[in-house]
Amino acid sequence: MRLLPWTTPDGRPCYLSTDRRDSRLSRLADDIEAAQLASGEQVLKGARAVLADPEAGERAVRFALTRAVESLGDVLRIATRKVPE
């Protein structure tokens, strides 16, 4: 089973049971994972810029940290792909 890069509306994990890596849903999951990784790179770049700016206010830092936490969650989900035994 493959852990998908999204959750149910109530936050539970979604899994795909298939032997075909080229199925429509597998390709969609691959595309979303690639988009999440690309987004993470952009968030990291923006967070670094905020942290390097001594004039950045609390709102900018909180925004950068919030986005960074979201991206880190996505990336860790992709990296670990924990599936229940």
PDB file of N, CA and C in Angstrom:
ATOM      1  N   MET A   1       0.839  -1.180   0.000  1.00  0.00           N
ATOM      2  CA  MET A   1       0.000   0.000   0.000  1.00  0.00           C
ATOM      3  C   MET A   1       0.883   1.242   0.000  1.00  0.00           C
ATOM      4  N   ARG A   2       0.409   2.263  -0.667  1.00  0.00           N
ATOM      5  CA  ARG A   2       1.154   3.521  -0.763  1.00  0.00           C
ATOM      6  C   ARG A   2       0.436   4.596   0.036  1.00  0.00           C
ATOM      7  N   LEU A   3       1.191   5.274   0.890  1.00  0.00           N
ATOM      8  CA  LEU A   3       0.662   6.422   1.610  1.00  0.00           C
ATOM      9  C   LEU A   3       0.571   7.578   0.621  1.00  0.00           C
ATOM     10  N   LEU A   4      -0.599   8.145   0.495  1.00  0.00           N
ATOM     11  CA  LEU A   4      -0.803   9.238  -0.455  1.00  0.00           C
ATOM     12  C   LEU A   4      -0.447  10.576   0.192  1.00  0.00           C
ATOM     13  N   PRO A   5      -0.095  11.570  -0.621  1.00  0.00           N
ATOM     14  CA  PRO A   5       0.354  12.857  -0.076  1.00  0.00           C
ATOM     15  C   PRO A   5      -0.785  13.784   0.355  1.00  0.00           C
ATOM     16  N   TRP A   6      -1.929  13.239   0.668  1.00  0.00           N
ATOM     17  CA  TRP A   6      -3.047  14.040   1.171  1.00  0.00           C
ATOM     18  C   TRP A   6      -3.759  13.231   2.243  1.00  0.00           C
ATOM     19  N   THR A   7      -4.633  13.902   2.969  1.00  0.00           N
ATOM     20  CA  THR A   7      -5.381  13.255   4.032  1.00  0.00           C
ATOM     21  C   THR A   7      -6.877  13.396   3.750  1.00  0.00           C
ATOM     22  N   THR A   8      -7.655  12.692   4.555  1.00  0.00           N
ATOM     23  CA  THR A   8      -9.109  12.847   4.487  1.00  0.00           C
ATOM     24  C   THR A   8      -9.462  14.210   5.067  1.00  0.00           C
ATOM     25  N   PRO A   9     -10.693  14.675   4.868  1.00  0.00           N
ATOM     26  CA  PRO A   9     -11.081  15.974   5.431  1.00  0.00           C
ATOM     27  C   PRO A   9     -10.884  16.064   6.947  1.00  0.00           C
ATOM     28  N   ASP A  10     -10.943  14.929   7.638  1.00  0.00           N
ATOM     29  CA  ASP A  10     -10.742  14.969   9.081  1.00  0.00           C
ATOM     30  C   ASP A  10      -9.303  14.647   9.489  1.00  0.00           C
ATOM     31  N   GLY A  11      -8.368  14.652   8.519  1.00  0.00           N
ATOM     32  CA  GLY A  11      -6.950  14.537   8.826  1.00  0.00           C
ATOM     33  C   GLY A  11      -6.379  13.133   8.871  1.00  0.00           C
ATOM     34  N   ARG A  12      -7.169  12.138   8.548  1.00  0.00           N
ATOM     35  CA  ARG A  12      -6.643  10.764   8.558  1.00  0.00           C
ATOM     36  C   ARG A  12      -5.888  10.492   7.258  1.00  0.00           C
ATOM     37  N   PRO A  13      -4.900   9.588   7.311  1.00  0.00           N
ATOM     38  CA  PRO A  13      -4.111   9.280   6.114  1.00  0.00           C
ATOM     39  C   PRO A  13      -4.924   8.529   5.063  1.00  0.00           C
ATOM     40  N   CYS A  14      -4.518   8.703   3.824  1.00  0.00           N
ATOM     41  CA  CYS A  14      -5.134   7.984   2.697  1.00  0.00           C
ATOM     42  C   CYS A  14      -4.092   7.040   2.101  1.00  0.00           C
ATOM     43  N   TYR A  15      -4.543   5.873   1.705  1.00  0.00           N
ATOM     44  CA  TYR A  15      -3.652   4.860   1.144  1.00  0.00           C
ATOM     45  C   TYR A  15      -4.194   4.383  -0.197  1.00  0.00           C
ATOM     46  N   LEU A  16      -3.271   3.953  -1.039  1.00  0.00           N
ATOM     47  CA  LEU A  16      -3.615   3.400  -2.345  1.00  0.00           C
ATOM     48  C   LEU A  16      -3.085   1.975  -2.399  1.00  0.00           C
ATOM     49  N   SER A  17      -3.959   1.054  -2.737  1.00  0.00           N
ATOM     50  CA  SER A  17      -3.563  -0.336  -2.874  1.00  0.00           C
ATOM     51  C   SER A  17      -3.591  -0.693  -4.357  1.00  0.00           C
ATOM     52  N   THR A  18      -2.398  -0.760  -4.958  1.00  0.00           N
ATOM     53  CA  THR A  18      -2.295  -1.124  -6.369  1.00  0.00           C
ATOM     54  C   THR A  18      -0.887  -1.636  -6.660  1.00  0.00           C
ATOM     55  N   ASP A  19      -0.777  -2.451  -7.664  1.00  0.00           N
ATOM     56  CA  ASP A  19       0.527  -2.917  -8.116  1.00  0.00           C
ATOM     57  C   ASP A  19       1.029  -2.085  -9.292  1.00  0.00           C
ATOM     58  N   ARG A  20       0.204  -1.173  -9.770  1.00  0.00           N
ATOM     59  CA  ARG A  20       0.548  -0.372 -10.954  1.00  0.00           C
ATOM     60  C   ARG A  20       1.043   1.009 -10.541  1.00  0.00           C
ATOM     61  N   ARG A  21       2.315   1.274 -10.771  1.00  0.00           N
ATOM     62  CA  ARG A  21       2.873   2.593 -10.476  1.00  0.00           C
ATOM     63  C   ARG A  21       2.446   3.634 -11.511  1.00  0.00           C
ATOM     64  N   ASP A  22       1.877   3.164 -12.621  1.00  0.00           N
ATOM     65  CA  ASP A  22       1.458   4.099 -13.671  1.00  0.00           C
ATOM     66  C   ASP A  22      -0.049   4.329 -13.666  1.00  0.00           C
ATOM     67  N   SER A  23      -0.733   3.931 -12.604  1.00  0.00           N
ATOM     68  CA  SER A  23      -2.175   4.172 -12.546  1.00  0.00           C
ATOM     69  C   SER A  23      -2.433   5.677 -12.462  1.00  0.00           C
ATOM     70  N   ARG A  24      -3.623   6.076 -12.784  1.00  0.00           N
ATOM     71  CA  ARG A  24      -3.978   7.502 -12.766  1.00  0.00           C
ATOM     72  C   ARG A  24      -3.762   8.096 -11.371  1.00  0.00           C
ATOM     73  N   LEU A  25      -4.184   7.379 -10.341  1.00  0.00           N
ATOM     74  CA  LEU A  25      -4.038   7.891  -8.986  1.00  0.00           C
ATOM     75  C   LEU A  25      -2.569   7.922  -8.546  1.00  0.00           C
ATOM     76  N   SER A  26      -1.787   6.936  -8.958  1.00  0.00           N
ATOM     77  CA  SER A  26      -0.349   6.945  -8.645  1.00  0.00           C
ATOM     78  C   SER A  26       0.338   8.126  -9.310  1.00  0.00           C
ATOM     79  N   ARG A  27      -0.006   8.404 -10.554  1.00  0.00           N
ATOM     80  CA  ARG A  27       0.596   9.544 -11.257  1.00  0.00           C
ATOM     81  C   ARG A  27       0.186  10.866 -10.604  1.00  0.00           C
ATOM     82  N   LEU A  28      -1.085  10.952 -10.187  1.00  0.00           N
ATOM     83  CA  LEU A  28      -1.557  12.156  -9.505  1.00  0.00           C
ATOM     84  C   LEU A  28      -0.780  12.352  -8.199  1.00  0.00           C
ATOM     85  N   ALA A  29      -0.603  11.286  -7.440  1.00  0.00           N
ATOM     86  CA  ALA A  29       0.158  11.370  -6.193  1.00  0.00           C
ATOM     87  C   ALA A  29       1.595  11.803  -6.473  1.00  0.00           C
ATOM     88  N   ASP A  30       2.210  11.246  -7.512  1.00  0.00           N
ATOM     89  CA  ASP A  30       3.576  11.641  -7.890  1.00  0.00           C
ATOM     90  C   ASP A  30       3.640  13.131  -8.215  1.00  0.00           C
ATOM     91  N   ASP A  31       2.664  13.610  -8.968  1.00  0.00           N
ATOM     92  CA  ASP A  31       2.633  15.027  -9.351  1.00  0.00           C
ATOM     93  C   ASP A  31       2.458  15.932  -8.128  1.00  0.00           C
ATOM     94  N   ILE A  32       1.581  15.535  -7.217  1.00  0.00           N
ATOM     95  CA  ILE A  32       1.353  16.342  -6.016  1.00  0.00           C
ATOM     96  C   ILE A  32       2.599  16.349  -5.143  1.00  0.00           C
ATOM     97  N   GLU A  33       3.249  15.192  -4.999  1.00  0.00           N
ATOM     98  CA  GLU A  33       4.488  15.141  -4.222  1.00  0.00           C
ATOM     99  C   GLU A  33       5.559  16.045  -4.829  1.00  0.00           C
ATOM    100  N   ALA A  34       5.677  16.039  -6.144  1.00  0.00           N
ATOM    101  CA  ALA A  34       6.656  16.912  -6.810  1.00  0.00           C
ATOM    102  C   ALA A  34       6.317  18.376  -6.556  1.00  0.00           C
ATOM    103  N   ALA A  35       5.043  18.723  -6.608  1.00  0.00           N
ATOM    104  CA  ALA A  35       4.624  20.101  -6.342  1.00  0.00           C
ATOM    105  C   ALA A  35       4.897  20.487  -4.887  1.00  0.00           C
ATOM    106  N   GLN A  36       4.668  19.553  -3.963  1.00  0.00           N
ATOM    107  CA  GLN A  36       4.936  19.834  -2.553  1.00  0.00           C
ATOM    108  C   GLN A  36       6.431  20.063  -2.314  1.00  0.00           C
ATOM    109  N   LEU A  37       7.271  19.276  -2.958  1.00  0.00           N
ATOM    110  CA  LEU A  37       8.715  19.459  -2.814  1.00  0.00           C
ATOM    111  C   LEU A  37       9.160  20.797  -3.397  1.00  0.00           C
ATOM    112  N   ALA A  38       8.628  21.147  -4.554  1.00  0.00           N
ATOM    113  CA  ALA A  38       8.970  22.430  -5.174  1.00  0.00           C
ATOM    114  C   ALA A  38       8.498  23.589  -4.295  1.00  0.00           C
ATOM    115  N   SER A  39       7.313  23.456  -3.735  1.00  0.00           N
ATOM    116  CA  SER A  39       6.796  24.482  -2.834  1.00  0.00           C
ATOM    117  C   SER A  39       7.680  24.607  -1.602  1.00  0.00           C
ATOM    118  N   GLY A  40       8.140  23.473  -1.083  1.00  0.00           N
ATOM    119  CA  GLY A  40       9.027  23.484   0.073  1.00  0.00           C
ATOM    120  C   GLY A  40      10.313  24.243  -0.201  1.00  0.00           C
ATOM    121  N   GLU A  41      10.846  24.085  -1.406  1.00  0.00           N
ATOM    122  CA  GLU A  41      12.061  24.821  -1.779  1.00  0.00           C
ATOM    123  C   GLU A  41      11.803  26.327  -1.777  1.00  0.00           C
ATOM    124  N   GLN A  42      10.657  26.741  -2.293  1.00  0.00           N
ATOM    125  CA  GLN A  42      10.316  28.163  -2.329  1.00  0.00           C
ATOM    126  C   GLN A  42      10.085  28.708  -0.925  1.00  0.00           C
ATOM    127  N   VAL A  43       9.410  27.924  -0.093  1.00  0.00           N
ATOM    128  CA  VAL A  43       9.165  28.351   1.285  1.00  0.00           C
ATOM    129  C   VAL A  43      10.485  28.508   2.027  1.00  0.00           C
ATOM    130  N   LEU A  44      11.397  27.574   1.843  1.00  0.00           N
ATOM    131  CA  LEU A  44      12.706  27.654   2.488  1.00  0.00           C
ATOM    132  C   LEU A  44      13.448  28.910   2.053  1.00  0.00           C
ATOM    133  N   LYS A  45      13.403  29.189   0.771  1.00  0.00           N
ATOM    134  CA  LYS A  45      14.060  30.395   0.251  1.00  0.00           C
ATOM    135  C   LYS A  45      13.455  31.650   0.893  1.00  0.00           C
ATOM    136  N   GLY A  46      12.137  31.699   0.968  1.00  0.00           N
ATOM    137  CA  GLY A  46      11.465  32.857   1.570  1.00  0.00           C
ATOM    138  C   GLY A  46      11.740  32.980   3.056  1.00  0.00           C
ATOM    139  N   ALA A  47      11.751  31.846   3.757  1.00  0.00           N
ATOM    140  CA  ALA A  47      12.019  31.874   5.196  1.00  0.00           C
ATOM    141  C   ALA A  47      13.441  32.350   5.467  1.00  0.00           C
ATOM    142  N   ARG A  48      14.369  31.902   4.663  1.00  0.00           N
ATOM    143  CA  ARG A  48      15.755  32.363   4.827  1.00  0.00           C
ATOM    144  C   ARG A  48      15.859  33.873   4.622  1.00  0.00           C
ATOM    145  N   ALA A  49      15.127  34.387   3.642  1.00  0.00           N
ATOM    146  CA  ALA A  49      15.149  35.827   3.380  1.00  0.00           C
ATOM    147  C   ALA A  49      14.575  36.603   4.560  1.00  0.00           C
ATOM    148  N   VAL A  50      13.483  36.098   5.133  1.00  0.00           N
ATOM    149  CA  VAL A  50      12.888  36.768   6.294  1.00  0.00           C
ATOM    150  C   VAL A  50      13.859  36.752   7.468  1.00  0.00           C
ATOM    151  N   LEU A  51      14.473  35.604   7.719  1.00  0.00           N
ATOM    152  CA  LEU A  51      15.403  35.495   8.841  1.00  0.00           C
ATOM    153  C   LEU A  51      16.647  36.359   8.655  1.00  0.00           C
ATOM    154  N   ALA A  52      17.037  36.585   7.417  1.00  0.00           N
ATOM    155  CA  ALA A  52      18.220  37.410   7.136  1.00  0.00           C
ATOM    156  C   ALA A  52      17.920  38.899   7.221  1.00  0.00           C
ATOM    157  N   ASP A  53      16.652  39.257   7.261  1.00  0.00           N
ATOM    158  CA  ASP A  53      16.246  40.660   7.292  1.00  0.00           C
ATOM    159  C   ASP A  53      16.082  41.126   8.737  1.00  0.00           C
ATOM    160  N   PRO A  54      16.997  41.949   9.223  1.00  0.00           N
ATOM    161  CA  PRO A  54      16.890  42.395  10.615  1.00  0.00           C
ATOM    162  C   PRO A  54      15.669  43.288  10.866  1.00  0.00           C
ATOM    163  N   GLU A  55      15.068  43.771   9.813  1.00  0.00           N
ATOM    164  CA  GLU A  55      13.885  44.626   9.938  1.00  0.00           C
ATOM    165  C   GLU A  55      12.576  43.838   9.878  1.00  0.00           C
ATOM    166  N   ALA A  56      12.661  42.542   9.654  1.00  0.00           N
ATOM    167  CA  ALA A  56      11.441  41.721   9.549  1.00  0.00           C
ATOM    168  C   ALA A  56      10.692  41.755  10.874  1.00  0.00           C
ATOM    169  N   GLY A  57       9.414  42.005  10.766  1.00  0.00           N
ATOM    170  CA  GLY A  57       8.592  42.075  11.970  1.00  0.00           C
ATOM    171  C   GLY A  57       8.050  40.714  12.381  1.00  0.00           C
ATOM    172  N   GLU A  58       7.357  40.728  13.491  1.00  0.00           N
ATOM    173  CA  GLU A  58       6.794  39.497  14.032  1.00  0.00           C
ATOM    174  C   GLU A  58       5.840  38.820  13.046  1.00  0.00           C
ATOM    175  N   ARG A  59       5.014  39.596  12.376  1.00  0.00           N
ATOM    176  CA  ARG A  59       4.061  38.993  11.425  1.00  0.00           C
ATOM    177  C   ARG A  59       4.776  38.261  10.311  1.00  0.00           C
ATOM    178  N   ALA A  60       5.848  38.846   9.775  1.00  0.00           N
ATOM    179  CA  ALA A  60       6.612  38.206   8.692  1.00  0.00           C
ATOM    180  C   ALA A  60       7.267  36.923   9.179  1.00  0.00           C
ATOM    181  N   VAL A  61       7.823  36.970  10.384  1.00  0.00           N
ATOM    182  CA  VAL A  61       8.479  35.782  10.931  1.00  0.00           C
ATOM    183  C   VAL A  61       7.453  34.691  11.207  1.00  0.00           C
ATOM    184  N   ARG A  62       6.325  35.056  11.786  1.00  0.00           N
ATOM    185  CA  ARG A  62       5.269  34.059  12.057  1.00  0.00           C
ATOM    186  C   ARG A  62       4.743  33.451  10.759  1.00  0.00           C
ATOM    187  N   PHE A  63       4.559  34.283   9.743  1.00  0.00           N
ATOM    188  CA  PHE A  63       4.087  33.779   8.452  1.00  0.00           C
ATOM    189  C   PHE A  63       5.098  32.798   7.868  1.00  0.00           C
ATOM    190  N   ALA A  64       6.365  33.173   7.882  1.00  0.00           N
ATOM    191  CA  ALA A  64       7.409  32.305   7.337  1.00  0.00           C
ATOM    192  C   ALA A  64       7.475  30.995   8.103  1.00  0.00           C
ATOM    193  N   LEU A  65       7.386  31.064   9.410  1.00  0.00           N
ATOM    194  CA  LEU A  65       7.437  29.851  10.227  1.00  0.00           C
ATOM    195  C   LEU A  65       6.220  28.970   9.985  1.00  0.00           C
ATOM    196  N   THR A  66       5.055  29.562   9.864  1.00  0.00           N
ATOM    197  CA  THR A  66       3.839  28.785   9.592  1.00  0.00           C
ATOM    198  C   THR A  66       3.961  28.041   8.271  1.00  0.00           C
ATOM    199  N   ARG A  67       4.400  28.742   7.224  1.00  0.00           N
ATOM    200  CA  ARG A  67       4.564  28.087   5.924  1.00  0.00           C
ATOM    201  C   ARG A  67       5.643  27.007   5.994  1.00  0.00           C
ATOM    202  N   ALA A  68       6.729  27.273   6.729  1.00  0.00           N
ATOM    203  CA  ALA A  68       7.807  26.296   6.847  1.00  0.00           C
ATOM    204  C   ALA A  68       7.326  25.025   7.548  1.00  0.00           C
ATOM    205  N   VAL A  69       6.517  25.175   8.588  1.00  0.00           N
ATOM    206  CA  VAL A  69       5.977  24.017   9.300  1.00  0.00           C
ATOM    207  C   VAL A  69       5.074  23.204   8.371  1.00  0.00           C
ATOM    208  N   GLU A  70       4.234  23.882   7.607  1.00  0.00           N
ATOM    209  CA  GLU A  70       3.368  23.170   6.651  1.00  0.00           C
ATOM    210  C   GLU A  70       4.196  22.394   5.635  1.00  0.00           C
ATOM    211  N   SER A  71       5.201  23.044   5.083  1.00  0.00           N
ATOM    212  CA  SER A  71       6.045  22.395   4.078  1.00  0.00           C
ATOM    213  C   SER A  71       6.831  21.237   4.668  1.00  0.00           C
ATOM    214  N   LEU A  72       7.343  21.420   5.865  1.00  0.00           N
ATOM    215  CA  LEU A  72       8.088  20.346   6.510  1.00  0.00           C
ATOM    216  C   LEU A  72       7.191  19.138   6.734  1.00  0.00           C
ATOM    217  N   GLY A  73       5.961  19.368   7.132  1.00  0.00           N
ATOM    218  CA  GLY A  73       5.017  18.267   7.292  1.00  0.00           C
ATOM    219  C   GLY A  73       4.799  17.505   5.992  1.00  0.00           C
ATOM    220  N   ASP A  74       4.639  18.232   4.889  1.00  0.00           N
ATOM    221  CA  ASP A  74       4.462  17.596   3.581  1.00  0.00           C
ATOM    222  C   ASP A  74       5.687  16.783   3.193  1.00  0.00           C
ATOM    223  N   VAL A  75       6.858  17.373   3.368  1.00  0.00           N
ATOM    224  CA  VAL A  75       8.102  16.708   2.969  1.00  0.00           C
ATOM    225  C   VAL A  75       8.349  15.460   3.818  1.00  0.00           C
ATOM    226  N   LEU A  76       8.102  15.565   5.121  1.00  0.00           N
ATOM    227  CA  LEU A  76       8.288  14.388   5.976  1.00  0.00           C
ATOM    228  C   LEU A  76       7.302  13.284   5.622  1.00  0.00           C
ATOM    229  N   ARG A  77       6.098  13.663   5.259  1.00  0.00           N
ATOM    230  CA  ARG A  77       5.096  12.660   4.841  1.00  0.00           C
ATOM    231  C   ARG A  77       5.605  11.925   3.598  1.00  0.00           C
ATOM    232  N   ILE A  78       6.168  12.659   2.646  1.00  0.00           N
ATOM    233  CA  ILE A  78       6.700  12.063   1.428  1.00  0.00           C
ATOM    234  C   ILE A  78       7.907  11.184   1.759  1.00  0.00           C
ATOM    235  N   ALA A  79       8.776  11.676   2.627  1.00  0.00           N
ATOM    236  CA  ALA A  79      10.021  10.985   2.916  1.00  0.00           C
ATOM    237  C   ALA A  79       9.814   9.691   3.697  1.00  0.00           C
ATOM    238  N   THR A  80       8.884   9.707   4.635  1.00  0.00           N
ATOM    239  CA  THR A  80       8.729   8.536   5.500  1.00  0.00           C
ATOM    240  C   THR A  80       7.756   7.505   4.940  1.00  0.00           C
ATOM    241  N   ARG A  81       6.698   7.970   4.316  1.00  0.00           N
ATOM    242  CA  ARG A  81       5.680   7.077   3.730  1.00  0.00           C
ATOM    243  C   ARG A  81       5.340   5.911   4.653  1.00  0.00           C
ATOM    244  N   LYS A  82       5.073   6.214   5.903  1.00  0.00           N
ATOM    245  CA  LYS A  82       4.729   5.168   6.861  1.00  0.00           C
ATOM    246  C   LYS A  82       3.376   4.565   6.511  1.00  0.00           C
ATOM    247  N   VAL A  83       3.346   3.265   6.456  1.00  0.00           N
ATOM    248  CA  VAL A  83       2.118   2.529   6.150  1.00  0.00           C
ATOM    249  C   VAL A  83       1.841   1.605   7.330  1.00  0.00           C
ATOM    250  N   PRO A  84       0.575   1.519   7.766  1.00  0.00           N
ATOM    251  CA  PRO A  84       0.283   0.650   8.896  1.00  0.00           C
ATOM    252  C   PRO A  84       0.584  -0.801   8.559  1.00  0.00           C
ATOM    253  N   GLU A  85       1.040  -1.518   9.577  1.00  0.00           N
ATOM    254  CA  GLU A  85       1.389  -2.936   9.368  1.00  0.00           C
ATOM    255  C   GLU A  85       0.177  -3.815   9.465  1.00  0.00           C
TER     256      GLU A  85
END
